[in-house]
Amino acid sequence: MMSNYSVFKVLLLSLALVGLVGCHVVDLDENGEPIIPMSAADAELLKNMTPNAIADKLWPSIKKDAQHNAVALSSIEKDSSVVSFVRFQGVVSRFDESKLKTSLVVNSAGYDIALQFGKIIKGNSIRDAASMISFNQFKNQIQFAQLSKSLNKKAIAQVVKPDSSWVDQPVSVLAAVTIKANKVMHAVPLEISKEGM
């Protein structure tokens, strides 16, 4: 037969477990602050906005997300498939420019990273790396895809435009990248500077 004290302990433990079932674990940023997910009301508003307006609304949060949560490129394990914000330093090996596409190729951490700067920016790296964006917040696949293009344009509009004088120069970069089969693809810079500037 259990004592009153034992019954009380079992009851208290049961209540604690029931309380934990209703808890939601919130991710923390590098400063220990909670990353607050978008509310249902905010997500509903997005469904009626143009992709450019959504990009304008989310851009400050995306920049903060990238600055606080970027990982070192060298820390990504080989053979990983990753979409992430990354920081790296490297040396510019090539500047490629055509009418629509411009890229600055940077050697870093064993990768050749073609940072895109032109009118055509491929991929969804920014959209998919951003922690506050998920497909179910959008009206349809088209709106979700168009947001990617708007975010890419927003990023390119606010970074320094390199030229051929950057070749052989050391640079520091914050970028959104997609990595597959040990290749960095669809790299879009959010910040780039020559080291020592």
Protein backbone atom coordinates (compact mmCIF):
# COMPACT_ATOMS: atom_id res chain seq x y z
CA MET A 1 0.00 0.00 0.00
CA MET A 2 1.35 3.39 -1.02
CA SER A 3 1.76 6.16 1.49
CA ASN A 4 0.17 9.55 0.96
CA TYR A 5 3.63 10.94 0.20
CA SER A 6 4.20 8.33 -2.56
CA VAL A 7 0.78 9.01 -4.07
CA PHE A 8 1.56 12.74 -4.05
CA LYS A 9 4.91 12.13 -5.80
CA VAL A 10 3.28 9.97 -8.50
CA LEU A 11 0.54 12.57 -9.01
CA LEU A 12 3.08 15.41 -9.23
CA LEU A 13 5.22 13.47 -11.72
CA SER A 14 2.14 12.70 -13.84
CA LEU A 15 1.16 16.37 -13.92
CA ALA A 16 4.71 17.35 -14.92
CA LEU A 17 4.67 14.84 -17.80
CA VAL A 18 1.27 16.05 -18.99
CA GLY A 19 2.64 19.62 -18.96
CA LEU A 20 5.62 18.59 -21.07
CA VAL A 21 3.41 17.01 -23.72
CA GLY A 22 1.96 20.46 -24.50
CA CYS A 23 5.38 22.14 -24.73
CA HIS A 24 6.92 23.23 -27.98
CA VAL A 25 10.69 23.37 -28.22
CA VAL A 26 11.78 26.68 -29.72
CA ASP A 27 15.09 26.95 -31.58
CA LEU A 28 17.56 29.49 -30.25
CA ASP A 29 19.90 31.71 -32.22
CA GLU A 30 23.63 31.96 -31.42
CA ASN A 31 22.88 34.55 -28.70
CA GLY A 32 20.43 32.24 -26.94
CA GLU A 33 17.42 34.26 -28.10
CA PRO A 34 14.36 32.34 -29.33
CA ILE A 35 13.74 32.26 -33.08
CA ILE A 36 10.05 33.08 -33.22
CA PRO A 37 8.28 31.34 -36.10
CA MET A 38 5.93 33.36 -38.28
CA SER A 39 2.41 33.54 -36.86
CA ALA A 40 -0.52 32.03 -38.74
CA ALA A 41 -1.87 35.55 -39.33
CA ASP A 42 1.44 36.68 -40.86
CA ALA A 43 1.58 33.57 -43.05
CA GLU A 44 -2.01 34.24 -44.21
CA LEU A 45 -1.05 37.82 -45.17
CA LEU A 46 1.80 36.50 -47.34
CA LYS A 47 -0.63 34.54 -49.48
CA ASN A 48 -2.13 37.79 -50.79
CA MET A 49 1.13 39.68 -51.37
CA THR A 50 3.27 39.85 -54.49
CA PRO A 51 6.62 38.03 -54.35
CA ASN A 52 8.46 41.39 -54.43
CA ALA A 53 6.41 42.70 -51.49
CA ILE A 54 7.08 39.47 -49.56
CA ALA A 55 10.81 39.79 -50.27
CA ASP A 56 10.76 43.39 -49.01
CA LYS A 57 8.88 42.37 -45.86
CA LEU A 58 11.11 39.38 -45.04
CA TRP A 59 14.49 40.79 -46.11
CA PRO A 60 15.51 42.30 -42.71
CA SER A 61 14.72 38.98 -40.99
CA ILE A 62 16.55 36.97 -43.65
CA LYS A 63 19.65 39.16 -43.33
CA LYS A 64 19.59 38.76 -39.54
CA ASP A 65 19.06 35.00 -39.91
CA ALA A 66 22.05 34.78 -42.28
CA GLN A 67 24.32 36.91 -40.10
CA HIS A 68 23.48 35.03 -36.89
CA ASN A 69 23.17 31.46 -38.16
CA ALA A 70 25.67 31.14 -41.01
CA VAL A 71 28.06 28.22 -40.62
CA ALA A 72 31.69 28.11 -41.67
CA LEU A 73 31.95 26.54 -45.11
CA SER A 74 34.91 24.49 -43.90
CA SER A 75 32.71 22.90 -41.19
CA ILE A 76 30.34 21.26 -43.71
CA GLU A 77 31.15 17.57 -44.04
CA LYS A 78 32.08 16.23 -47.45
CA ASP A 79 29.33 14.28 -49.23
CA SER A 80 26.67 16.38 -47.47
CA SER A 81 23.61 17.71 -49.25
CA VAL A 82 23.02 21.11 -47.68
CA VAL A 83 21.25 24.39 -48.30
CA SER A 84 22.62 26.94 -45.85
CA PHE A 85 23.93 30.38 -45.14
CA VAL A 86 27.73 30.11 -44.99
CA ARG A 87 30.71 32.32 -44.21
CA PHE A 88 34.06 31.81 -45.85
CA GLN A 89 37.28 33.49 -46.88
CA GLY A 90 39.04 32.64 -50.10
CA VAL A 91 40.89 33.91 -53.13
CA VAL A 92 39.17 34.98 -56.33
CA SER A 93 40.38 32.78 -59.19
CA ARG A 94 38.16 34.02 -62.01
CA PHE A 95 35.68 36.71 -63.05
CA ASP A 96 33.20 35.59 -65.72
CA GLU A 97 30.88 38.13 -67.33
CA SER A 98 28.31 37.88 -70.08
CA LYS A 99 25.25 39.97 -70.91
CA LEU A 100 22.98 38.15 -68.44
CA LYS A 101 25.28 36.12 -66.20
CA THR A 102 28.16 37.32 -64.08
CA SER A 103 30.06 35.24 -61.56
CA LEU A 104 33.06 35.60 -59.35
CA VAL A 105 34.75 32.24 -58.71
CA VAL A 106 36.28 31.96 -55.23
CA ASN A 107 38.51 29.09 -54.04
CA SER A 108 37.77 28.24 -50.42
CA ALA A 109 37.73 25.10 -48.24
CA GLY A 110 38.46 22.89 -51.25
CA TYR A 111 35.53 24.27 -53.27
CA ASP A 112 35.35 26.47 -56.37
CA ILE A 113 32.39 28.72 -55.54
CA ALA A 114 30.81 30.67 -58.40
CA LEU A 115 29.11 33.61 -56.71
CA GLN A 116 26.30 34.85 -58.97
CA PHE A 117 25.92 38.59 -59.66
CA GLY A 118 24.19 38.96 -63.04
CA LYS A 119 20.62 39.54 -64.18
CA ILE A 120 19.97 35.79 -64.12
CA ILE A 121 20.48 34.15 -60.73
CA LYS A 122 19.83 30.41 -60.58
CA GLY A 123 18.55 28.42 -57.65
CA ASN A 124 16.57 28.78 -54.44
CA SER A 125 19.45 28.98 -51.97
CA ILE A 126 18.32 32.11 -50.10
CA ARG A 127 14.70 31.03 -49.83
CA ASP A 128 15.56 27.49 -48.75
CA ALA A 129 18.26 28.54 -46.25
CA ALA A 130 15.97 31.05 -44.48
CA SER A 131 14.59 29.53 -41.28
CA MET A 132 11.38 31.58 -41.32
CA ILE A 133 10.17 30.47 -44.77
CA SER A 134 8.27 27.27 -45.48
CA PHE A 135 6.16 26.21 -48.45
CA ASN A 136 2.88 25.96 -46.51
CA GLN A 137 2.92 29.76 -45.93
CA PHE A 138 2.35 30.38 -49.63
CA LYS A 139 -0.63 30.29 -51.93
CA ASN A 140 0.91 27.89 -54.43
CA GLN A 141 4.11 26.61 -56.02
CA ILE A 142 4.26 29.55 -58.43
CA GLN A 143 4.25 32.17 -55.66
CA PHE A 144 6.89 30.15 -53.79
CA ALA A 145 9.13 29.96 -56.89
CA GLN A 146 8.67 33.65 -57.68
CA LEU A 147 9.68 34.54 -54.12
CA SER A 148 13.02 32.87 -54.80
CA LYS A 149 13.63 35.12 -57.80
CA SER A 150 12.64 38.22 -55.81
CA LEU A 151 14.99 37.32 -52.94
CA ASN A 152 17.86 36.69 -55.37
CA LYS A 153 17.31 40.12 -56.98
CA LYS A 154 17.11 41.75 -53.54
CA ALA A 155 20.44 40.21 -52.51
CA ILE A 156 22.26 41.21 -55.68
CA ALA A 157 20.92 44.78 -55.55
CA GLN A 158 22.54 45.41 -52.17
CA VAL A 159 26.00 43.84 -52.51
CA VAL A 160 29.18 45.37 -53.90
CA LYS A 161 29.55 44.54 -57.60
CA PRO A 162 32.94 42.94 -58.28
CA ASP A 163 34.89 43.26 -61.50
CA SER A 164 37.98 41.72 -63.06
CA SER A 165 40.24 43.66 -60.68
CA TRP A 166 39.12 41.27 -57.92
CA VAL A 167 40.95 38.31 -59.50
CA ASP A 168 43.75 36.99 -57.21
CA GLN A 169 42.38 39.09 -54.32
CA PRO A 170 41.41 37.60 -50.93
CA VAL A 171 37.71 38.05 -50.08
CA SER A 172 35.33 37.50 -47.17
CA VAL A 173 31.86 36.27 -48.06
CA LEU A 174 28.47 35.62 -46.49
CA ALA A 175 26.35 33.68 -48.97
CA ALA A 176 23.43 31.31 -49.37
CA VAL A 177 24.57 28.10 -51.04
CA THR A 178 23.33 24.72 -52.14
CA ILE A 179 25.85 21.89 -51.83
CA LYS A 180 25.35 18.56 -53.60
CA ALA A 181 27.88 15.86 -54.43
CA ASN A 182 30.76 17.94 -53.01
CA LYS A 183 29.94 20.83 -55.33
CA VAL A 184 28.74 24.29 -54.28
CA MET A 185 25.90 25.32 -56.56
CA HIS A 186 23.61 28.33 -56.77
CA ALA A 187 25.76 30.53 -54.51
CA VAL A 188 24.22 33.95 -53.94
CA PRO A 189 26.23 36.50 -51.95
CA LEU A 190 24.59 38.54 -49.20
CA GLU A 191 27.86 40.25 -48.22
CA ILE A 192 31.24 40.30 -49.97
CA SER A 193 34.32 42.38 -49.39
CA LYS A 194 37.98 42.34 -50.28
CA GLU A 195 39.93 41.45 -47.17
CA GLY A 196 41.73 44.45 -45.78
CA MET A 197 39.15 46.93 -47.15
